[in-house]
Amino acid sequence: MLATMNPELKKQHEDMVAYEMIQNLKEIYERRAHYERQETSQALFQCKMREGIPVGAHVIKMIVYIQTLEKLGFPLKNELVTDVILQSLSDNFKPFALNFNMKLIRLCHSYLACYELLKVTLKMDLSPFELSA
């Protein structure tokens, strides 16, 4: 195992048996992953679009943060991703964010109206969640 390590790690682990090496390496890399997760989530949640930066470039930057968190074992739900990206946009995009949210509300209202219609038509006691399956 020592043969595959860089000189610094090799020196640090030369007096350890294989189990101790594995435990030590696991600790080292878990600390790095924890630090990277903290740094990435902080960058993501504090990210705010600057004037003059194209919206596409800004969203791609946000997606890179989101994908990094996913690779570190911390995937975000789509709803949270959408909220974080919309909140990070500059004030010029506030009408877009409002319009986006209004469309979601109308979509939800349409879904519930269809549910009510199906419930009456089929004369069944359905849960709205049974319809989405």
N, C-alpha and C. Protein backbone atom coordinates (compact mmCIF):
# COMPACT_ATOMS: atom_id res chain seq x y z
N MET A 1 0.83 -1.19 0.00
CA MET A 1 0.00 0.00 0.00
C MET A 1 0.88 1.26 0.00
N LEU A 2 1.99 1.19 0.71
CA LEU A 2 2.88 2.34 0.78
C LEU A 2 3.46 2.72 -0.59
N ALA A 3 3.62 1.74 -1.45
CA ALA A 3 4.23 1.99 -2.75
C ALA A 3 3.41 2.96 -3.61
N THR A 4 2.11 3.02 -3.38
CA THR A 4 1.25 3.88 -4.20
C THR A 4 1.08 5.28 -3.62
N MET A 5 1.63 5.53 -2.44
CA MET A 5 1.47 6.83 -1.78
C MET A 5 2.54 7.82 -2.20
N ASN A 6 2.18 9.10 -2.10
CA ASN A 6 3.20 10.13 -2.34
C ASN A 6 4.17 10.14 -1.15
N PRO A 7 5.34 10.73 -1.30
CA PRO A 7 6.36 10.66 -0.24
C PRO A 7 5.88 11.16 1.13
N GLU A 8 5.07 12.23 1.13
CA GLU A 8 4.59 12.78 2.40
C GLU A 8 3.70 11.78 3.14
N LEU A 9 2.76 11.19 2.41
CA LEU A 9 1.87 10.19 3.03
C LEU A 9 2.65 8.93 3.41
N LYS A 10 3.59 8.55 2.57
CA LYS A 10 4.39 7.36 2.84
C LYS A 10 5.13 7.51 4.18
N LYS A 11 5.75 8.66 4.39
CA LYS A 11 6.49 8.91 5.63
C LYS A 11 5.56 8.89 6.83
N GLN A 12 4.37 9.46 6.67
CA GLN A 12 3.39 9.53 7.76
C GLN A 12 2.88 8.14 8.15
N HIS A 13 2.83 7.20 7.20
CA HIS A 13 2.22 5.89 7.43
C HIS A 13 3.22 4.73 7.50
N GLU A 14 4.51 4.99 7.45
CA GLU A 14 5.48 3.91 7.36
C GLU A 14 5.50 2.98 8.58
N ASP A 15 5.12 3.46 9.75
CA ASP A 15 5.13 2.62 10.96
C ASP A 15 3.76 2.02 11.29
N MET A 16 2.81 2.11 10.37
CA MET A 16 1.45 1.62 10.63
C MET A 16 1.19 0.32 9.89
N VAL A 17 0.30 -0.48 10.47
CA VAL A 17 -0.17 -1.67 9.75
C VAL A 17 -1.29 -1.23 8.81
N ALA A 18 -1.70 -2.10 7.90
CA ALA A 18 -2.66 -1.74 6.86
C ALA A 18 -3.95 -1.17 7.44
N TYR A 19 -4.50 -1.79 8.48
CA TYR A 19 -5.76 -1.31 9.07
C TYR A 19 -5.61 0.12 9.58
N GLU A 20 -4.51 0.40 10.29
CA GLU A 20 -4.27 1.74 10.82
C GLU A 20 -4.13 2.76 9.69
N MET A 21 -3.45 2.36 8.60
CA MET A 21 -3.30 3.24 7.45
C MET A 21 -4.65 3.61 6.87
N ILE A 22 -5.48 2.60 6.69
CA ILE A 22 -6.81 2.82 6.10
C ILE A 22 -7.62 3.75 6.98
N GLN A 23 -7.61 3.53 8.30
CA GLN A 23 -8.37 4.38 9.22
C GLN A 23 -7.86 5.81 9.17
N ASN A 24 -6.52 5.97 9.16
CA ASN A 24 -5.94 7.30 9.13
C ASN A 24 -6.27 8.02 7.83
N LEU A 25 -6.15 7.33 6.71
CA LEU A 25 -6.49 7.93 5.41
C LEU A 25 -7.96 8.32 5.35
N LYS A 26 -8.80 7.46 5.90
CA LYS A 26 -10.23 7.75 5.93
C LYS A 26 -10.50 9.04 6.70
N GLU A 27 -9.85 9.19 7.85
CA GLU A 27 -10.01 10.41 8.65
C GLU A 27 -9.57 11.65 7.88
N ILE A 28 -8.39 11.53 7.25
CA ILE A 28 -7.84 12.67 6.50
C ILE A 28 -8.80 13.11 5.40
N TYR A 29 -9.30 12.14 4.62
CA TYR A 29 -10.15 12.49 3.49
C TYR A 29 -11.55 12.89 3.92
N GLU A 30 -12.04 12.37 5.04
CA GLU A 30 -13.34 12.81 5.54
C GLU A 30 -13.28 14.26 5.98
N ARG A 31 -12.17 14.65 6.63
CA ARG A 31 -12.01 16.05 7.04
C ARG A 31 -11.96 16.96 5.82
N ARG A 32 -11.25 16.53 4.78
CA ARG A 32 -11.17 17.33 3.56
C ARG A 32 -12.55 17.46 2.91
N ALA A 33 -13.31 16.36 2.88
CA ALA A 33 -14.64 16.38 2.28
C ALA A 33 -15.56 17.31 3.08
N HIS A 34 -15.45 17.24 4.41
CA HIS A 34 -16.27 18.10 5.27
C HIS A 34 -15.95 19.57 5.00
N TYR A 35 -14.66 19.88 4.92
CA TYR A 35 -14.24 21.26 4.65
C TYR A 35 -14.72 21.69 3.27
N GLU A 36 -14.58 20.83 2.28
CA GLU A 36 -15.01 21.18 0.93
C GLU A 36 -16.52 21.38 0.87
N ARG A 37 -17.28 20.56 1.61
CA ARG A 37 -18.73 20.72 1.64
C ARG A 37 -19.10 22.06 2.27
N GLN A 38 -18.44 22.42 3.37
CA GLN A 38 -18.72 23.70 4.01
C GLN A 38 -18.42 24.87 3.08
N GLU A 39 -17.26 24.82 2.44
CA GLU A 39 -16.87 25.90 1.53
C GLU A 39 -17.83 26.02 0.35
N THR A 40 -18.21 24.87 -0.21
CA THR A 40 -19.09 24.87 -1.39
C THR A 40 -20.49 25.35 -1.03
N SER A 41 -21.03 24.86 0.09
CA SER A 41 -22.39 25.28 0.47
C SER A 41 -22.41 26.76 0.83
N GLN A 42 -21.36 27.24 1.46
CA GLN A 42 -21.29 28.67 1.77
C GLN A 42 -21.25 29.50 0.49
N ALA A 43 -20.44 29.07 -0.47
CA ALA A 43 -20.35 29.79 -1.75
C ALA A 43 -21.69 29.77 -2.47
N LEU A 44 -22.36 28.61 -2.45
CA LEU A 44 -23.66 28.49 -3.12
C LEU A 44 -24.70 29.41 -2.51
N PHE A 45 -24.85 29.34 -1.18
CA PHE A 45 -25.92 30.08 -0.52
C PHE A 45 -25.65 31.58 -0.41
N GLN A 46 -24.39 31.98 -0.57
CA GLN A 46 -24.07 33.41 -0.55
C GLN A 46 -23.91 34.00 -1.94
N CYS A 47 -24.03 33.17 -2.95
CA CYS A 47 -23.82 33.61 -4.33
C CYS A 47 -24.92 34.58 -4.76
N LYS A 48 -24.51 35.70 -5.28
CA LYS A 48 -25.44 36.71 -5.77
C LYS A 48 -24.93 37.18 -7.13
N MET A 49 -25.81 37.23 -8.09
CA MET A 49 -25.44 37.63 -9.44
C MET A 49 -24.98 39.09 -9.45
N ARG A 50 -23.81 39.33 -10.05
CA ARG A 50 -23.26 40.68 -10.14
C ARG A 50 -23.70 41.33 -11.45
N GLU A 51 -23.82 42.64 -11.41
CA GLU A 51 -24.19 43.40 -12.61
C GLU A 51 -23.15 43.16 -13.71
N GLY A 52 -23.63 43.02 -14.93
CA GLY A 52 -22.75 42.85 -16.07
C GLY A 52 -22.39 41.41 -16.37
N ILE A 53 -22.69 40.49 -15.46
CA ILE A 53 -22.41 39.07 -15.67
C ILE A 53 -23.62 38.46 -16.36
N PRO A 54 -23.43 37.73 -17.46
CA PRO A 54 -24.58 37.10 -18.13
C PRO A 54 -25.26 36.08 -17.21
N VAL A 55 -26.57 36.03 -17.30
CA VAL A 55 -27.33 35.13 -16.43
C VAL A 55 -26.91 33.67 -16.65
N GLY A 56 -26.60 33.30 -17.89
CA GLY A 56 -26.19 31.92 -18.18
C GLY A 56 -24.93 31.54 -17.43
N ALA A 57 -23.95 32.44 -17.43
CA ALA A 57 -22.69 32.18 -16.73
C ALA A 57 -22.93 32.05 -15.23
N HIS A 58 -23.81 32.90 -14.71
CA HIS A 58 -24.13 32.85 -13.28
C HIS A 58 -24.79 31.52 -12.91
N VAL A 59 -25.76 31.10 -13.70
CA VAL A 59 -26.48 29.85 -13.41
C VAL A 59 -25.54 28.66 -13.53
N ILE A 60 -24.65 28.68 -14.50
CA ILE A 60 -23.68 27.58 -14.64
C ILE A 60 -22.78 27.50 -13.40
N LYS A 61 -22.36 28.65 -12.90
CA LYS A 61 -21.55 28.69 -11.67
C LYS A 61 -22.32 28.05 -10.51
N MET A 62 -23.59 28.37 -10.40
CA MET A 62 -24.43 27.80 -9.34
C MET A 62 -24.57 26.28 -9.52
N ILE A 63 -24.74 25.84 -10.76
CA ILE A 63 -24.90 24.41 -11.03
C ILE A 63 -23.63 23.66 -10.66
N VAL A 64 -22.48 24.25 -10.90
CA VAL A 64 -21.21 23.61 -10.52
C VAL A 64 -21.17 23.41 -8.99
N TYR A 65 -21.57 24.41 -8.23
CA TYR A 65 -21.63 24.27 -6.77
C TYR A 65 -22.58 23.14 -6.37
N ILE A 66 -23.75 23.11 -7.01
CA ILE A 66 -24.77 22.11 -6.69
C ILE A 66 -24.26 20.71 -7.02
N GLN A 67 -23.60 20.55 -8.17
CA GLN A 67 -23.06 19.25 -8.56
C GLN A 67 -21.91 18.83 -7.64
N THR A 68 -21.12 19.77 -7.18
CA THR A 68 -20.04 19.47 -6.24
C THR A 68 -20.62 18.93 -4.94
N LEU A 69 -21.66 19.57 -4.44
CA LEU A 69 -22.31 19.08 -3.21
C LEU A 69 -22.86 17.67 -3.42
N GLU A 70 -23.42 17.42 -4.58
CA GLU A 70 -23.96 16.10 -4.89
C GLU A 70 -22.84 15.05 -4.89
N LYS A 71 -21.70 15.38 -5.50
CA LYS A 71 -20.56 14.45 -5.51
C LYS A 71 -20.02 14.19 -4.11
N LEU A 72 -20.19 15.16 -3.22
CA LEU A 72 -19.74 15.00 -1.84
C LEU A 72 -20.77 14.26 -0.98
N GLY A 73 -21.87 13.84 -1.60
CA GLY A 73 -22.89 13.08 -0.88
C GLY A 73 -23.99 13.91 -0.27
N PHE A 74 -24.15 15.14 -0.74
CA PHE A 74 -25.18 16.03 -0.21
C PHE A 74 -26.02 16.62 -1.33
N PRO A 75 -26.84 15.80 -1.98
CA PRO A 75 -27.67 16.32 -3.07
C PRO A 75 -28.78 17.23 -2.53
N LEU A 76 -29.10 18.25 -3.29
CA LEU A 76 -30.18 19.16 -2.93
C LEU A 76 -31.42 18.79 -3.72
N LYS A 77 -32.57 18.96 -3.11
CA LYS A 77 -33.83 18.69 -3.82
C LYS A 77 -34.05 19.78 -4.86
N ASN A 78 -34.75 19.40 -5.93
CA ASN A 78 -34.98 20.32 -7.05
C ASN A 78 -35.65 21.63 -6.62
N GLU A 79 -36.58 21.54 -5.69
CA GLU A 79 -37.29 22.75 -5.24
C GLU A 79 -36.31 23.72 -4.59
N LEU A 80 -35.39 23.19 -3.78
CA LEU A 80 -34.41 24.05 -3.12
C LEU A 80 -33.44 24.63 -4.14
N VAL A 81 -33.03 23.83 -5.10
CA VAL A 81 -32.14 24.31 -6.16
C VAL A 81 -32.80 25.48 -6.90
N THR A 82 -34.05 25.32 -7.26
CA THR A 82 -34.78 26.38 -7.97
C THR A 82 -34.84 27.64 -7.11
N ASP A 83 -35.19 27.48 -5.84
CA ASP A 83 -35.29 28.64 -4.94
C ASP A 83 -33.95 29.36 -4.80
N VAL A 84 -32.89 28.60 -4.61
CA VAL A 84 -31.57 29.20 -4.41
C VAL A 84 -31.14 29.97 -5.66
N ILE A 85 -31.36 29.38 -6.83
CA ILE A 85 -30.97 30.06 -8.07
C ILE A 85 -31.81 31.33 -8.28
N LEU A 86 -33.12 31.22 -8.08
CA LEU A 86 -33.98 32.40 -8.26
C LEU A 86 -33.60 33.52 -7.28
N GLN A 87 -33.29 33.16 -6.04
CA GLN A 87 -32.93 34.17 -5.04
C GLN A 87 -31.57 34.79 -5.30
N SER A 88 -30.73 34.10 -6.06
CA SER A 88 -29.38 34.62 -6.32
C SER A 88 -29.35 35.61 -7.48
N LEU A 89 -30.43 35.67 -8.26
CA LEU A 89 -30.45 36.55 -9.43
C LEU A 89 -30.48 38.01 -9.01
N SER A 90 -29.96 38.87 -9.87
CA SER A 90 -29.95 40.31 -9.58
C SER A 90 -31.39 40.84 -9.60
N ASP A 91 -31.54 42.06 -9.08
CA ASP A 91 -32.87 42.67 -9.00
C ASP A 91 -33.54 42.82 -10.36
N ASN A 92 -32.76 42.87 -11.42
CA ASN A 92 -33.33 42.97 -12.77
C ASN A 92 -34.18 41.76 -13.11
N PHE A 93 -33.94 40.64 -12.44
CA PHE A 93 -34.67 39.40 -12.74
C PHE A 93 -35.82 39.13 -11.77
N LYS A 94 -36.13 40.08 -10.88
CA LYS A 94 -37.23 39.89 -9.93
C LYS A 94 -38.56 39.64 -10.64
N PRO A 95 -38.87 40.37 -11.73
CA PRO A 95 -40.13 40.07 -12.45
C PRO A 95 -40.15 38.63 -13.00
N PHE A 96 -39.00 38.17 -13.47
CA PHE A 96 -38.91 36.79 -13.97
C PHE A 96 -39.19 35.81 -12.84
N ALA A 97 -38.57 36.02 -11.67
CA ALA A 97 -38.76 35.11 -10.53
C ALA A 97 -40.22 35.12 -10.08
N LEU A 98 -40.84 36.29 -10.03
CA LEU A 98 -42.24 36.39 -9.65
C LEU A 98 -43.12 35.66 -10.65
N ASN A 99 -42.88 35.86 -11.94
CA ASN A 99 -43.63 35.18 -12.99
C ASN A 99 -43.46 33.66 -12.87
N PHE A 100 -42.25 33.22 -12.64
CA PHE A 100 -41.96 31.78 -12.49
C PHE A 100 -42.79 31.20 -11.34
N ASN A 101 -42.79 31.89 -10.20
CA ASN A 101 -43.53 31.40 -9.04
C ASN A 101 -45.04 31.43 -9.28
N MET A 102 -45.52 32.44 -10.00
CA MET A 102 -46.95 32.51 -10.30
C MET A 102 -47.36 31.36 -11.20
N LYS A 103 -46.51 30.98 -12.16
CA LYS A 103 -46.82 29.84 -13.02
C LYS A 103 -46.90 28.56 -12.21
N LEU A 104 -46.03 28.42 -11.22
CA LEU A 104 -46.09 27.24 -10.35
C LEU A 104 -47.40 27.20 -9.56
N ILE A 105 -47.82 28.36 -9.08
CA ILE A 105 -49.08 28.42 -8.33
C ILE A 105 -50.25 28.05 -9.23
N ARG A 106 -50.26 28.59 -10.47
CA ARG A 106 -51.34 28.26 -11.41
C ARG A 106 -51.32 26.77 -11.76
N LEU A 107 -50.12 26.21 -11.92
CA LEU A 107 -50.00 24.79 -12.22
C LEU A 107 -50.56 23.95 -11.07
N CYS A 108 -50.22 24.33 -9.86
CA CYS A 108 -50.72 23.63 -8.68
C CYS A 108 -52.25 23.74 -8.61
N HIS A 109 -52.78 24.93 -8.88
CA HIS A 109 -54.23 25.13 -8.87
C HIS A 109 -54.88 24.25 -9.93
N SER A 110 -54.30 24.17 -11.12
CA SER A 110 -54.84 23.33 -12.20
C SER A 110 -54.83 21.87 -11.80
N TYR A 111 -53.75 21.45 -11.16
CA TYR A 111 -53.64 20.06 -10.71
C TYR A 111 -54.75 19.73 -9.71
N LEU A 112 -54.97 20.64 -8.77
CA LEU A 112 -56.01 20.40 -7.76
C LEU A 112 -57.41 20.42 -8.39
N ALA A 113 -57.62 21.27 -9.38
CA ALA A 113 -58.91 21.32 -10.07
C ALA A 113 -59.15 20.00 -10.82
N CYS A 114 -58.13 19.47 -11.47
CA CYS A 114 -58.25 18.17 -12.15
C CYS A 114 -58.54 17.07 -11.14
N TYR A 115 -57.88 17.13 -10.02
CA TYR A 115 -58.10 16.14 -8.96
C TYR A 115 -59.57 16.16 -8.50
N GLU A 116 -60.09 17.35 -8.27
CA GLU A 116 -61.48 17.47 -7.83
C GLU A 116 -62.44 16.94 -8.90
N LEU A 117 -62.16 17.24 -10.16
CA LEU A 117 -62.98 16.77 -11.26
C LEU A 117 -62.96 15.24 -11.35
N LEU A 118 -61.78 14.65 -11.24
CA LEU A 118 -61.66 13.19 -11.28
C LEU A 118 -62.38 12.56 -10.10
N LYS A 119 -62.25 13.16 -8.96
CA LYS A 119 -62.88 12.64 -7.74
C LYS A 119 -64.40 12.60 -7.90
N VAL A 120 -64.96 13.68 -8.45
CA VAL A 120 -66.41 13.76 -8.67
C VAL A 120 -66.82 12.79 -9.78
N THR A 121 -66.07 12.78 -10.86
CA THR A 121 -66.40 11.94 -12.02
C THR A 121 -66.35 10.46 -11.66
N LEU A 122 -65.30 10.07 -10.98
CA LEU A 122 -65.13 8.66 -10.63
C LEU A 122 -65.87 8.26 -9.35
N LYS A 123 -66.41 9.26 -8.65
CA LYS A 123 -67.12 9.04 -7.39
C LYS A 123 -66.29 8.17 -6.44
N MET A 124 -65.00 8.54 -6.34
CA MET A 124 -64.09 7.80 -5.48
C MET A 124 -63.43 8.78 -4.51
N ASP A 125 -63.02 8.23 -3.39
CA ASP A 125 -62.29 9.03 -2.41
C ASP A 125 -60.80 8.82 -2.65
N LEU A 126 -60.22 9.63 -3.54
CA LEU A 126 -58.80 9.52 -3.90
C LEU A 126 -57.97 10.55 -3.15
N SER A 127 -56.78 10.16 -2.83
CA SER A 127 -55.82 11.12 -2.31
C SER A 127 -55.12 11.76 -3.51
N PRO A 128 -54.80 13.06 -3.45
CA PRO A 128 -54.09 13.68 -4.58
C PRO A 128 -52.75 12.99 -4.87
N PHE A 129 -52.17 12.37 -3.87
CA PHE A 129 -50.88 11.74 -4.03
C PHE A 129 -51.00 10.40 -4.77
N GLU A 130 -52.18 9.80 -4.74
CA GLU A 130 -52.38 8.55 -5.49
C GLU A 130 -52.40 8.80 -6.99
N LEU A 131 -52.76 10.02 -7.39
CA LEU A 131 -52.85 10.35 -8.81
C LEU A 131 -51.48 10.53 -9.43
N SER A 132 -50.51 10.93 -8.64
CA SER A 132 -49.18 11.19 -9.20
C SER A 132 -48.35 9.93 -9.34
N ALA A 133 -48.76 8.83 -8.82
CA ALA A 133 -48.00 7.58 -8.88
C ALA A 133 -48.13 6.91 -10.23
